[in-house]
Amino acid sequence: MVILLLALCALLSTFLIIPVFYFATSFSSIYSCTVSAILVFFILLFAIKRLKKAGVFPSIRFFIKFIIIAAGSFLTFFLVISGARIAAFVSLALTIATYLLASRILRRRINELAAEQS
């Protein structure tokens, strides 16, 4: 029974992976756009669920901090790849400082807004 299950899994994965591999190698730009669109869709779905669950202000705080981390990580990675390691270190330090500063400012601002609404 186990061998049958392993064979079924191997056959199913072969039927799924080979077309995706062919599509990715033959039509790379279309594949990249498709994967990017699917990624954006799921990020938006996650954002909408978080907004409904947590409320507006915590969601805004989360997304601002996420953008700071993502942009800083991208810049640091780009600088390391291009060989500018000192600039990458400075970028990483500024990303961490910006994240901490934004976290404090946003926490204070959200507490002020919550106190005003009460």
PDB file of N, CA and C in Angstrom:
ATOM      1  N   MET A   1       0.821  -1.192   0.000  1.00  0.00           N
ATOM      2  CA  MET A   1       0.000   0.000   0.000  1.00  0.00           C
ATOM      3  C   MET A   1       0.871   1.266   0.000  1.00  0.00           C
ATOM      4  N   VAL A   2       1.978   1.223   0.762  1.00  0.00           N
ATOM      5  CA  VAL A   2       2.873   2.373   0.825  1.00  0.00           C
ATOM      6  C   VAL A   2       3.536   2.612  -0.525  1.00  0.00           C
ATOM      7  N   ILE A   3       3.947   1.557  -1.192  1.00  0.00           N
ATOM      8  CA  ILE A   3       4.584   1.683  -2.502  1.00  0.00           C
ATOM      9  C   ILE A   3       3.600   2.250  -3.513  1.00  0.00           C
ATOM     10  N   LEU A   4       2.345   1.843  -3.429  1.00  0.00           N
ATOM     11  CA  LEU A   4       1.319   2.369  -4.323  1.00  0.00           C
ATOM     12  C   LEU A   4       1.108   3.856  -4.076  1.00  0.00           C
ATOM     13  N   LEU A   5       1.086   4.254  -2.812  1.00  0.00           N
ATOM     14  CA  LEU A   5       0.933   5.664  -2.470  1.00  0.00           C
ATOM     15  C   LEU A   5       2.126   6.486  -2.964  1.00  0.00           C
ATOM     16  N   LEU A   6       3.335   5.977  -2.796  1.00  0.00           N
ATOM     17  CA  LEU A   6       4.528   6.671  -3.292  1.00  0.00           C
ATOM     18  C   LEU A   6       4.521   6.791  -4.812  1.00  0.00           C
ATOM     19  N   ALA A   7       4.099   5.740  -5.480  1.00  0.00           N
ATOM     20  CA  ALA A   7       4.024   5.781  -6.942  1.00  0.00           C
ATOM     21  C   ALA A   7       2.973   6.782  -7.398  1.00  0.00           C
ATOM     22  N   LEU A   8       1.846   6.829  -6.718  1.00  0.00           N
ATOM     23  CA  LEU A   8       0.790   7.785  -7.060  1.00  0.00           C
ATOM     24  C   LEU A   8       1.271   9.216  -6.850  1.00  0.00           C
ATOM     25  N   CYS A   9       1.967   9.461  -5.743  1.00  0.00           N
ATOM     26  CA  CYS A   9       2.507  10.802  -5.481  1.00  0.00           C
ATOM     27  C   CYS A   9       3.542  11.194  -6.541  1.00  0.00           C
ATOM     28  N   ALA A  10       4.412  10.279  -6.917  1.00  0.00           N
ATOM     29  CA  ALA A  10       5.423  10.565  -7.931  1.00  0.00           C
ATOM     30  C   ALA A  10       4.772  10.853  -9.280  1.00  0.00           C
ATOM     31  N   LEU A  11       3.763  10.081  -9.637  1.00  0.00           N
ATOM     32  CA  LEU A  11       3.073  10.286 -10.903  1.00  0.00           C
ATOM     33  C   LEU A  11       2.326  11.614 -10.923  1.00  0.00           C
ATOM     34  N   LEU A  12       1.634  11.914  -9.832  1.00  0.00           N
ATOM     35  CA  LEU A  12       0.892  13.174  -9.752  1.00  0.00           C
ATOM     36  C   LEU A  12       1.834  14.369  -9.787  1.00  0.00           C
ATOM     37  N   SER A  13       2.935  14.300  -9.048  1.00  0.00           N
ATOM     38  CA  SER A  13       3.878  15.416  -9.052  1.00  0.00           C
ATOM     39  C   SER A  13       4.531  15.585 -10.416  1.00  0.00           C
ATOM     40  N   THR A  14       4.777  14.488 -11.123  1.00  0.00           N
ATOM     41  CA  THR A  14       5.337  14.580 -12.468  1.00  0.00           C
ATOM     42  C   THR A  14       4.374  15.291 -13.407  1.00  0.00           C
ATOM     43  N   PHE A  15       3.092  14.961 -13.304  1.00  0.00           N
ATOM     44  CA  PHE A  15       2.101  15.607 -14.162  1.00  0.00           C
ATOM     45  C   PHE A  15       1.907  17.075 -13.816  1.00  0.00           C
ATOM     46  N   LEU A  16       2.227  17.466 -12.596  1.00  0.00           N
ATOM     47  CA  LEU A  16       2.097  18.871 -12.214  1.00  0.00           C
ATOM     48  C   LEU A  16       3.364  19.671 -12.503  1.00  0.00           C
ATOM     49  N   ILE A  17       4.518  19.096 -12.266  1.00  0.00           N
ATOM     50  CA  ILE A  17       5.772  19.843 -12.361  1.00  0.00           C
ATOM     51  C   ILE A  17       6.251  20.022 -13.794  1.00  0.00           C
ATOM     52  N   ILE A  18       6.140  19.016 -14.624  1.00  0.00           N
ATOM     53  CA  ILE A  18       6.655  19.116 -15.997  1.00  0.00           C
ATOM     54  C   ILE A  18       5.989  20.249 -16.787  1.00  0.00           C
ATOM     55  N   PRO A  19       4.656  20.413 -16.750  1.00  0.00           N
ATOM     56  CA  PRO A  19       4.080  21.560 -17.473  1.00  0.00           C
ATOM     57  C   PRO A  19       4.517  22.911 -16.901  1.00  0.00           C
ATOM     58  N   VAL A  20       4.647  23.002 -15.576  1.00  0.00           N
ATOM     59  CA  VAL A  20       5.090  24.259 -14.976  1.00  0.00           C
ATOM     60  C   VAL A  20       6.534  24.555 -15.379  1.00  0.00           C
ATOM     61  N   PHE A  21       7.379  23.538 -15.373  1.00  0.00           N
ATOM     62  CA  PHE A  21       8.774  23.708 -15.783  1.00  0.00           C
ATOM     63  C   PHE A  21       8.862  24.130 -17.250  1.00  0.00           C
ATOM     64  N   TYR A  22       8.077  23.510 -18.104  1.00  0.00           N
ATOM     65  CA  TYR A  22       8.073  23.858 -19.524  1.00  0.00           C
ATOM     66  C   TYR A  22       7.603  25.295 -19.722  1.00  0.00           C
ATOM     67  N   PHE A  23       6.546  25.670 -19.021  1.00  0.00           N
ATOM     68  CA  PHE A  23       6.010  27.027 -19.118  1.00  0.00           C
ATOM     69  C   PHE A  23       7.039  28.046 -18.624  1.00  0.00           C
ATOM     70  N   ALA A  24       7.746  27.725 -17.538  1.00  0.00           N
ATOM     71  CA  ALA A  24       8.726  28.653 -16.971  1.00  0.00           C
ATOM     72  C   ALA A  24       9.953  28.807 -17.863  1.00  0.00           C
ATOM     73  N   THR A  25      10.342  27.739 -18.542  1.00  0.00           N
ATOM     74  CA  THR A  25      11.536  27.838 -19.382  1.00  0.00           C
ATOM     75  C   THR A  25      11.232  28.366 -20.778  1.00  0.00           C
ATOM     76  N   SER A  26      10.058  28.070 -21.296  1.00  0.00           N
ATOM     77  CA  SER A  26       9.730  28.501 -22.655  1.00  0.00           C
ATOM     78  C   SER A  26       9.173  29.919 -22.711  1.00  0.00           C
ATOM     79  N   PHE A  27       8.367  30.299 -21.742  1.00  0.00           N
ATOM     80  CA  PHE A  27       7.713  31.607 -21.718  1.00  0.00           C
ATOM     81  C   PHE A  27       8.031  32.283 -20.387  1.00  0.00           C
ATOM     82  N   SER A  28       9.292  32.615 -20.188  1.00  0.00           N
ATOM     83  CA  SER A  28       9.736  33.092 -18.879  1.00  0.00           C
ATOM     84  C   SER A  28       9.099  34.422 -18.485  1.00  0.00           C
ATOM     85  N   SER A  29       8.906  35.346 -19.425  1.00  0.00           N
ATOM     86  CA  SER A  29       8.323  36.636 -19.060  1.00  0.00           C
ATOM     87  C   SER A  29       6.848  36.484 -18.685  1.00  0.00           C
ATOM     88  N   ILE A  30       6.117  35.661 -19.418  1.00  0.00           N
ATOM     89  CA  ILE A  30       4.713  35.421 -19.085  1.00  0.00           C
ATOM     90  C   ILE A  30       4.608  34.692 -17.746  1.00  0.00           C
ATOM     91  N   TYR A  31       5.507  33.735 -17.523  1.00  0.00           N
ATOM     92  CA  TYR A  31       5.519  32.994 -16.261  1.00  0.00           C
ATOM     93  C   TYR A  31       5.804  33.946 -15.095  1.00  0.00           C
ATOM     94  N   SER A  32       6.752  34.854 -15.272  1.00  0.00           N
ATOM     95  CA  SER A  32       7.088  35.802 -14.201  1.00  0.00           C
ATOM     96  C   SER A  32       5.912  36.710 -13.890  1.00  0.00           C
ATOM     97  N   CYS A  33       5.241  37.195 -14.928  1.00  0.00           N
ATOM     98  CA  CYS A  33       4.066  38.047 -14.713  1.00  0.00           C
ATOM     99  C   CYS A  33       2.944  37.286 -14.022  1.00  0.00           C
ATOM    100  N   THR A  34       2.738  36.048 -14.405  1.00  0.00           N
ATOM    101  CA  THR A  34       1.684  35.237 -13.802  1.00  0.00           C
ATOM    102  C   THR A  34       1.975  34.973 -12.328  1.00  0.00           C
ATOM    103  N   VAL A  35       3.188  34.590 -12.027  1.00  0.00           N
ATOM    104  CA  VAL A  35       3.557  34.316 -10.635  1.00  0.00           C
ATOM    105  C   VAL A  35       3.491  35.598  -9.807  1.00  0.00           C
ATOM    106  N   SER A  36       3.918  36.718 -10.376  1.00  0.00           N
ATOM    107  CA  SER A  36       3.840  37.993  -9.667  1.00  0.00           C
ATOM    108  C   SER A  36       2.393  38.391  -9.398  1.00  0.00           C
ATOM    109  N   ALA A  37       1.522  38.194 -10.374  1.00  0.00           N
ATOM    110  CA  ALA A  37       0.112  38.513 -10.189  1.00  0.00           C
ATOM    111  C   ALA A  37      -0.518  37.638  -9.105  1.00  0.00           C
ATOM    112  N   ILE A  38      -0.169  36.368  -9.091  1.00  0.00           N
ATOM    113  CA  ILE A  38      -0.693  35.476  -8.054  1.00  0.00           C
ATOM    114  C   ILE A  38      -0.172  35.899  -6.681  1.00  0.00           C
ATOM    115  N   LEU A  39       1.091  36.277  -6.595  1.00  0.00           N
ATOM    116  CA  LEU A  39       1.671  36.735  -5.338  1.00  0.00           C
ATOM    117  C   LEU A  39       0.981  38.001  -4.841  1.00  0.00           C
ATOM    118  N   VAL A  40       0.758  38.959  -5.738  1.00  0.00           N
ATOM    119  CA  VAL A  40       0.075  40.193  -5.366  1.00  0.00           C
ATOM    120  C   VAL A  40      -1.352  39.901  -4.906  1.00  0.00           C
ATOM    121  N   PHE A  41      -2.027  38.986  -5.575  1.00  0.00           N
ATOM    122  CA  PHE A  41      -3.382  38.604  -5.184  1.00  0.00           C
ATOM    123  C   PHE A  41      -3.409  38.063  -3.761  1.00  0.00           C
ATOM    124  N   PHE A  42      -2.485  37.172  -3.438  1.00  0.00           N
ATOM    125  CA  PHE A  42      -2.472  36.602  -2.095  1.00  0.00           C
ATOM    126  C   PHE A  42      -2.054  37.619  -1.041  1.00  0.00           C
ATOM    127  N   ILE A  43      -1.180  38.547  -1.391  1.00  0.00           N
ATOM    128  CA  ILE A  43      -0.809  39.606  -0.450  1.00  0.00           C
ATOM    129  C   ILE A  43      -2.010  40.507  -0.185  1.00  0.00           C
ATOM    130  N   LEU A  44      -2.757  40.847  -1.231  1.00  0.00           N
ATOM    131  CA  LEU A  44      -3.964  41.646  -1.037  1.00  0.00           C
ATOM    132  C   LEU A  44      -5.009  40.896  -0.226  1.00  0.00           C
ATOM    133  N   LEU A  45      -5.145  39.614  -0.478  1.00  0.00           N
ATOM    134  CA  LEU A  45      -6.086  38.801   0.300  1.00  0.00           C
ATOM    135  C   LEU A  45      -5.684  38.789   1.770  1.00  0.00           C
ATOM    136  N   PHE A  46      -4.388  38.631   2.044  1.00  0.00           N
ATOM    137  CA  PHE A  46      -3.887  38.670   3.411  1.00  0.00           C
ATOM    138  C   PHE A  46      -4.148  40.037   4.041  1.00  0.00           C
ATOM    139  N   ALA A  47      -3.943  41.105   3.272  1.00  0.00           N
ATOM    140  CA  ALA A  47      -4.152  42.453   3.792  1.00  0.00           C
ATOM    141  C   ALA A  47      -5.616  42.692   4.141  1.00  0.00           C
ATOM    142  N   ILE A  48      -6.514  42.245   3.299  1.00  0.00           N
ATOM    143  CA  ILE A  48      -7.942  42.436   3.557  1.00  0.00           C
ATOM    144  C   ILE A  48      -8.380  41.646   4.788  1.00  0.00           C
ATOM    145  N   LYS A  49      -7.907  40.413   4.919  1.00  0.00           N
ATOM    146  CA  LYS A  49      -8.253  39.611   6.101  1.00  0.00           C
ATOM    147  C   LYS A  49      -7.704  40.254   7.368  1.00  0.00           C
ATOM    148  N   ARG A  50      -6.475  40.750   7.306  1.00  0.00           N
ATOM    149  CA  ARG A  50      -5.882  41.392   8.476  1.00  0.00           C
ATOM    150  C   ARG A  50      -6.626  42.671   8.823  1.00  0.00           C
ATOM    151  N   LEU A  51      -7.028  43.418   7.830  1.00  0.00           N
ATOM    152  CA  LEU A  51      -7.756  44.655   8.063  1.00  0.00           C
ATOM    153  C   LEU A  51      -9.091  44.374   8.738  1.00  0.00           C
ATOM    154  N   LYS A  52      -9.792  43.347   8.286  1.00  0.00           N
ATOM    155  CA  LYS A  52     -11.075  42.990   8.892  1.00  0.00           C
ATOM    156  C   LYS A  52     -10.895  42.484  10.319  1.00  0.00           C
ATOM    157  N   LYS A  53      -9.828  41.721  10.553  1.00  0.00           N
ATOM    158  CA  LYS A  53      -9.626  41.093  11.850  1.00  0.00           C
ATOM    159  C   LYS A  53      -9.108  42.082  12.894  1.00  0.00           C
ATOM    160  N   ALA A  54      -8.088  42.854  12.551  1.00  0.00           N
ATOM    161  CA  ALA A  54      -7.399  43.679  13.534  1.00  0.00           C
ATOM    162  C   ALA A  54      -7.905  45.116  13.590  1.00  0.00           C
ATOM    163  N   GLY A  55      -8.512  45.594  12.549  1.00  0.00           N
ATOM    164  CA  GLY A  55      -8.918  46.991  12.518  1.00  0.00           C
ATOM    165  C   GLY A  55      -7.981  47.805  11.646  1.00  0.00           C
ATOM    166  N   VAL A  56      -8.320  49.059  11.502  1.00  0.00           N
ATOM    167  CA  VAL A  56      -7.600  49.923  10.570  1.00  0.00           C
ATOM    168  C   VAL A  56      -6.214  50.313  11.095  1.00  0.00           C
ATOM    169  N   PHE A  57      -6.151  50.822  12.307  1.00  0.00           N
ATOM    170  CA  PHE A  57      -4.888  51.377  12.798  1.00  0.00           C
ATOM    171  C   PHE A  57      -3.797  50.325  12.993  1.00  0.00           C
ATOM    172  N   PRO A  58      -4.067  49.187  13.613  1.00  0.00           N
ATOM    173  CA  PRO A  58      -2.999  48.180  13.692  1.00  0.00           C
ATOM    174  C   PRO A  58      -2.564  47.666  12.319  1.00  0.00           C
ATOM    175  N   SER A  59      -3.494  47.599  11.386  1.00  0.00           N
ATOM    176  CA  SER A  59      -3.139  47.147  10.037  1.00  0.00           C
ATOM    177  C   SER A  59      -2.245  48.148   9.336  1.00  0.00           C
ATOM    178  N   ILE A  60      -2.546  49.421   9.481  1.00  0.00           N
ATOM    179  CA  ILE A  60      -1.704  50.456   8.876  1.00  0.00           C
ATOM    180  C   ILE A  60      -0.303  50.405   9.478  1.00  0.00           C
ATOM    181  N   ARG A  61      -0.242  50.228  10.794  1.00  0.00           N
ATOM    182  CA  ARG A  61       1.058  50.132  11.459  1.00  0.00           C
ATOM    183  C   ARG A  61       1.851  48.936  10.940  1.00  0.00           C
ATOM    184  N   PHE A  62       1.189  47.812  10.802  1.00  0.00           N
ATOM    185  CA  PHE A  62       1.857  46.609  10.294  1.00  0.00           C
ATOM    186  C   PHE A  62       2.384  46.827   8.875  1.00  0.00           C
ATOM    187  N   PHE A  63       1.563  47.400   7.999  1.00  0.00           N
ATOM    188  CA  PHE A  63       1.973  47.555   6.602  1.00  0.00           C
ATOM    189  C   PHE A  63       3.080  48.588   6.435  1.00  0.00           C
ATOM    190  N   ILE A  64       3.080  49.631   7.243  1.00  0.00           N
ATOM    191  CA  ILE A  64       4.172  50.600   7.172  1.00  0.00           C
ATOM    192  C   ILE A  64       5.486  49.939   7.605  1.00  0.00           C
ATOM    193  N   LYS A  65       5.435  49.181   8.695  1.00  0.00           N
ATOM    194  CA  LYS A  65       6.644  48.493   9.143  1.00  0.00           C
ATOM    195  C   LYS A  65       7.082  47.427   8.141  1.00  0.00           C
ATOM    196  N   PHE A  66       6.133  46.756   7.518  1.00  0.00           N
ATOM    197  CA  PHE A  66       6.461  45.760   6.493  1.00  0.00           C
ATOM    198  C   PHE A  66       7.157  46.408   5.308  1.00  0.00           C
ATOM    199  N   ILE A  67       6.670  47.557   4.872  1.00  0.00           N
ATOM    200  CA  ILE A  67       7.277  48.257   3.735  1.00  0.00           C
ATOM    201  C   ILE A  67       8.697  48.706   4.088  1.00  0.00           C
ATOM    202  N   ILE A  68       8.904  49.171   5.320  1.00  0.00           N
ATOM    203  CA  ILE A  68      10.243  49.590   5.741  1.00  0.00           C
ATOM    204  C   ILE A  68      11.206  48.404   5.699  1.00  0.00           C
ATOM    205  N   ILE A  69      10.777  47.262   6.246  1.00  0.00           N
ATOM    206  CA  ILE A  69      11.637  46.076   6.267  1.00  0.00           C
ATOM    207  C   ILE A  69      11.894  45.561   4.850  1.00  0.00           C
ATOM    208  N   ALA A  70      10.851  45.511   4.019  1.00  0.00           N
ATOM    209  CA  ALA A  70      11.015  44.996   2.656  1.00  0.00           C
ATOM    210  C   ALA A  70      11.938  45.890   1.828  1.00  0.00           C
ATOM    211  N   ALA A  71      11.730  47.195   1.899  1.00  0.00           N
ATOM    212  CA  ALA A  71      12.567  48.114   1.119  1.00  0.00           C
ATOM    213  C   ALA A  71      14.012  48.082   1.609  1.00  0.00           C
ATOM    214  N   GLY A  72      14.201  48.055   2.917  1.00  0.00           N
ATOM    215  CA  GLY A  72      15.554  48.002   3.460  1.00  0.00           C
ATOM    216  C   GLY A  72      16.260  46.708   3.109  1.00  0.00           C
ATOM    217  N   SER A  73      15.535  45.603   3.167  1.00  0.00           N
ATOM    218  CA  SER A  73      16.133  44.311   2.816  1.00  0.00           C
ATOM    219  C   SER A  73      16.512  44.269   1.341  1.00  0.00           C
ATOM    220  N   PHE A  74      15.635  44.780   0.491  1.00  0.00           N
ATOM    221  CA  PHE A  74      15.925  44.813  -0.935  1.00  0.00           C
ATOM    222  C   PHE A  74      17.154  45.670  -1.221  1.00  0.00           C
ATOM    223  N   LEU A  75      17.214  46.847  -0.611  1.00  0.00           N
ATOM    224  CA  LEU A  75      18.353  47.737  -0.846  1.00  0.00           C
ATOM    225  C   LEU A  75      19.650  47.111  -0.331  1.00  0.00           C
ATOM    226  N   THR A  76      19.596  46.508   0.845  1.00  0.00           N
ATOM    227  CA  THR A  76      20.784  45.859   1.401  1.00  0.00           C
ATOM    228  C   THR A  76      21.242  44.717   0.506  1.00  0.00           C
ATOM    229  N   PHE A  77      20.306  43.888   0.064  1.00  0.00           N
ATOM    230  CA  PHE A  77      20.638  42.779  -0.823  1.00  0.00           C
ATOM    231  C   PHE A  77      21.254  43.291  -2.128  1.00  0.00           C
ATOM    232  N   PHE A  78      20.660  44.325  -2.717  1.00  0.00           N
ATOM    233  CA  PHE A  78      21.173  44.889  -3.958  1.00  0.00           C
ATOM    234  C   PHE A  78      22.589  45.430  -3.772  1.00  0.00           C
ATOM    235  N   LEU A  79      22.822  46.098  -2.658  1.00  0.00           N
ATOM    236  CA  LEU A  79      24.153  46.649  -2.411  1.00  0.00           C
ATOM    237  C   LEU A  79      25.195  45.549  -2.173  1.00  0.00           C
ATOM    238  N   VAL A  80      24.810  44.484  -1.501  1.00  0.00           N
ATOM    239  CA  VAL A  80      25.747  43.368  -1.288  1.00  0.00           C
ATOM    240  C   VAL A  80      26.088  42.713  -2.618  1.00  0.00           C
ATOM    241  N   ILE A  81      25.080  42.494  -3.452  1.00  0.00           N
ATOM    242  CA  ILE A  81      25.304  41.872  -4.757  1.00  0.00           C
ATOM    243  C   ILE A  81      26.211  42.741  -5.632  1.00  0.00           C
ATOM    244  N   SER A  82      26.039  44.063  -5.554  1.00  0.00           N
ATOM    245  CA  SER A  82      26.847  44.945  -6.396  1.00  0.00           C
ATOM    246  C   SER A  82      28.242  45.182  -5.818  1.00  0.00           C
ATOM    247  N   GLY A  83      28.516  44.669  -4.611  1.00  0.00           N
ATOM    248  CA  GLY A  83      29.861  44.769  -4.063  1.00  0.00           C
ATOM    249  C   GLY A  83      30.074  45.919  -3.100  1.00  0.00           C
ATOM    250  N   ALA A  84      29.068  46.694  -2.831  1.00  0.00           N
ATOM    251  CA  ALA A  84      29.199  47.829  -1.912  1.00  0.00           C
ATOM    252  C   ALA A  84      28.814  47.372  -0.500  1.00  0.00           C
ATOM    253  N   ARG A  85      29.715  46.686   0.154  1.00  0.00           N
ATOM    254  CA  ARG A  85      29.394  46.068   1.451  1.00  0.00           C
ATOM    255  C   ARG A  85      29.280  47.094   2.574  1.00  0.00           C
ATOM    256  N   ILE A  86      30.062  48.129   2.549  1.00  0.00           N
ATOM    257  CA  ILE A  86      29.965  49.161   3.590  1.00  0.00           C
ATOM    258  C   ILE A  86      28.640  49.896   3.441  1.00  0.00           C
ATOM    259  N   ALA A  87      28.276  50.218   2.212  1.00  0.00           N
ATOM    260  CA  ALA A  87      26.981  50.859   1.983  1.00  0.00           C
ATOM    261  C   ALA A  87      25.838  49.933   2.378  1.00  0.00           C
ATOM    262  N   ALA A  88      25.999  48.630   2.176  1.00  0.00           N
ATOM    263  CA  ALA A  88      24.978  47.667   2.577  1.00  0.00           C
ATOM    264  C   ALA A  88      24.840  47.635   4.095  1.00  0.00           C
ATOM    265  N   PHE A  89      25.962  47.701   4.801  1.00  0.00           N
ATOM    266  CA  PHE A  89      25.908  47.731   6.260  1.00  0.00           C
ATOM    267  C   PHE A  89      25.219  48.998   6.751  1.00  0.00           C
ATOM    268  N   VAL A  90      25.539  50.128   6.141  1.00  0.00           N
ATOM    269  CA  VAL A  90      24.886  51.389   6.506  1.00  0.00           C
ATOM    270  C   VAL A  90      23.389  51.309   6.203  1.00  0.00           C
ATOM    271  N   SER A  91      23.042  50.733   5.073  1.00  0.00           N
ATOM    272  CA  SER A  91      21.644  50.559   4.713  1.00  0.00           C
ATOM    273  C   SER A  91      20.908  49.677   5.713  1.00  0.00           C
ATOM    274  N   LEU A  92      21.543  48.613   6.131  1.00  0.00           N
ATOM    275  CA  LEU A  92      20.935  47.729   7.122  1.00  0.00           C
ATOM    276  C   LEU A  92      20.737  48.452   8.455  1.00  0.00           C
ATOM    277  N   ALA A  93      21.741  49.206   8.880  1.00  0.00           N
ATOM    278  CA  ALA A  93      21.628  49.961  10.136  1.00  0.00           C
ATOM    279  C   ALA A  93      20.521  51.010  10.045  1.00  0.00           C
ATOM    280  N   LEU A  94      20.435  51.703   8.915  1.00  0.00           N
ATOM    281  CA  LEU A  94      19.372  52.701   8.738  1.00  0.00           C
ATOM    282  C   LEU A  94      17.995  52.051   8.675  1.00  0.00           C
ATOM    283  N   THR A  95      17.908  50.875   8.103  1.00  0.00           N
ATOM    284  CA  THR A  95      16.633  50.163   8.065  1.00  0.00           C
ATOM    285  C   THR A  95      16.172  49.813   9.473  1.00  0.00           C
ATOM    286  N   ILE A  96      17.090  49.313  10.285  1.00  0.00           N
ATOM    287  CA  ILE A  96      16.733  48.963  11.662  1.00  0.00           C
ATOM    288  C   ILE A  96      16.345  50.213  12.448  1.00  0.00           C
ATOM    289  N   ALA A  97      17.106  51.296  12.281  1.00  0.00           N
ATOM    290  CA  ALA A  97      16.794  52.537  12.990  1.00  0.00           C
ATOM    291  C   ALA A  97      15.444  53.100  12.547  1.00  0.00           C
ATOM    292  N   THR A  98      15.179  53.075  11.253  1.00  0.00           N
ATOM    293  CA  THR A  98      13.900  53.566  10.737  1.00  0.00           C
ATOM    294  C   THR A  98      12.745  52.722  11.243  1.00  0.00           C
ATOM    295  N   TYR A  99      12.945  51.414  11.292  1.00  0.00           N
ATOM    296  CA  TYR A  99      11.912  50.518  11.801  1.00  0.00           C
ATOM    297  C   TYR A  99      11.594  50.826  13.260  1.00  0.00           C
ATOM    298  N   LEU A 100      12.626  50.965  14.076  1.00  0.00           N
ATOM    299  CA  LEU A 100      12.402  51.253  15.492  1.00  0.00           C
ATOM    300  C   LEU A 100      11.751  52.617  15.695  1.00  0.00           C
ATOM    301  N   LEU A 101      12.197  53.609  14.955  1.00  0.00           N
ATOM    302  CA  LEU A 101      11.610  54.939  15.055  1.00  0.00           C
ATOM    303  C   LEU A 101      10.151  54.934  14.609  1.00  0.00           C
ATOM    304  N   ALA A 102       9.876  54.294  13.495  1.00  0.00           N
ATOM    305  CA  ALA A 102       8.492  54.230  13.005  1.00  0.00           C
ATOM    306  C   ALA A 102       7.606  53.464  13.975  1.00  0.00           C
ATOM    307  N   SER A 103       8.141  52.424  14.576  1.00  0.00           N
ATOM    308  CA  SER A 103       7.367  51.644  15.532  1.00  0.00           C
ATOM    309  C   SER A 103       6.971  52.493  16.734  1.00  0.00           C
ATOM    310  N   ARG A 104       7.913  53.269  17.255  1.00  0.00           N
ATOM    311  CA  ARG A 104       7.587  54.134  18.400  1.00  0.00           C
ATOM    312  C   ARG A 104       6.616  55.235  18.022  1.00  0.00           C
ATOM    313  N   ILE A 105       6.849  55.877  16.895  1.00  0.00           N
ATOM    314  CA  ILE A 105       5.957  56.968  16.477  1.00  0.00           C
ATOM    315  C   ILE A 105       4.556  56.439  16.220  1.00  0.00           C
ATOM    316  N   LEU A 106       4.456  55.323  15.513  1.00  0.00           N
ATOM    317  CA  LEU A 106       3.136  54.779  15.200  1.00  0.00           C
ATOM    318  C   LEU A 106       2.424  54.284  16.452  1.00  0.00           C
ATOM    319  N   ARG A 107       3.149  53.681  17.380  1.00  0.00           N
ATOM    320  CA  ARG A 107       2.519  53.218  18.619  1.00  0.00           C
ATOM    321  C   ARG A 107       1.970  54.406  19.406  1.00  0.00           C
ATOM    322  N   ARG A 108       2.748  55.472  19.501  1.00  0.00           N
ATOM    323  CA  ARG A 108       2.308  56.664  20.219  1.00  0.00           C
ATOM    324  C   ARG A 108       1.099  57.294  19.531  1.00  0.00           C
ATOM    325  N   ARG A 109       1.155  57.376  18.212  1.00  0.00           N
ATOM    326  CA  ARG A 109       0.057  58.000  17.457  1.00  0.00           C
ATOM    327  C   ARG A 109      -1.225  57.175  17.561  1.00  0.00           C
ATOM    328  N   ILE A 110      -1.113  55.871  17.504  1.00  0.00           N
ATOM    329  CA  ILE A 110      -2.291  55.014  17.603  1.00  0.00           C
ATOM    330  C   ILE A 110      -2.880  55.087  19.001  1.00  0.00           C
ATOM    331  N   ASN A 111      -2.027  55.178  20.013  1.00  0.00           N
ATOM    332  CA  ASN A 111      -2.538  55.331  21.385  1.00  0.00           C
ATOM    333  C   ASN A 111      -3.256  56.655  21.555  1.00  0.00           C
ATOM    334  N   GLU A 112      -2.741  57.712  20.933  1.00  0.00           N
ATOM    335  CA  GLU A 112      -3.410  59.011  20.995  1.00  0.00           C
ATOM    336  C   GLU A 112      -4.770  58.942  20.299  1.00  0.00           C
ATOM    337  N   LEU A 113      -4.825  58.316  19.149  1.00  0.00           N
ATOM    338  CA  LEU A 113      -6.095  58.209  18.428  1.00  0.00           C
ATOM    339  C   LEU A 113      -7.101  57.341  19.190  1.00  0.00           C
ATOM    340  N   ALA A 114      -6.630  56.301  19.831  1.00  0.00           N
ATOM    341  CA  ALA A 114      -7.524  55.453  20.628  1.00  0.00           C
ATOM    342  C   ALA A 114      -8.056  56.209  21.836  1.00  0.00           C
ATOM    343  N   ALA A 115      -7.213  57.049  22.441  1.00  0.00           N
ATOM    344  CA  ALA A 115      -7.666  57.836  23.590  1.00  0.00           C
ATOM    345  C   ALA A 115      -8.698  58.886  23.167  1.00  0.00           C
ATOM    346  N   GLU A 116      -8.523  59.459  21.964  1.00  0.00           N
ATOM    347  CA  GLU A 116      -9.475  60.441  21.460  1.00  0.00           C
ATOM    348  C   GLU A 116     -10.831  59.810  21.175  1.00  0.00           C
ATOM    349  N   GLN A 117     -10.830  58.580  20.697  1.00  0.00           N
ATOM    350  CA  GLN A 117     -12.075  57.904  20.343  1.00  0.00           C
ATOM    351  C   GLN A 117     -12.829  57.430  21.595  1.00  0.00           C
ATOM    352  N   SER A 118     -12.143  57.246  22.700  1.00  0.00           N
ATOM    353  CA  SER A 118     -12.805  56.761  23.927  1.00  0.00           C
ATOM    354  C   SER A 118     -13.602  57.825  24.608  1.00  0.00           C
TER     355      SER A 118
END
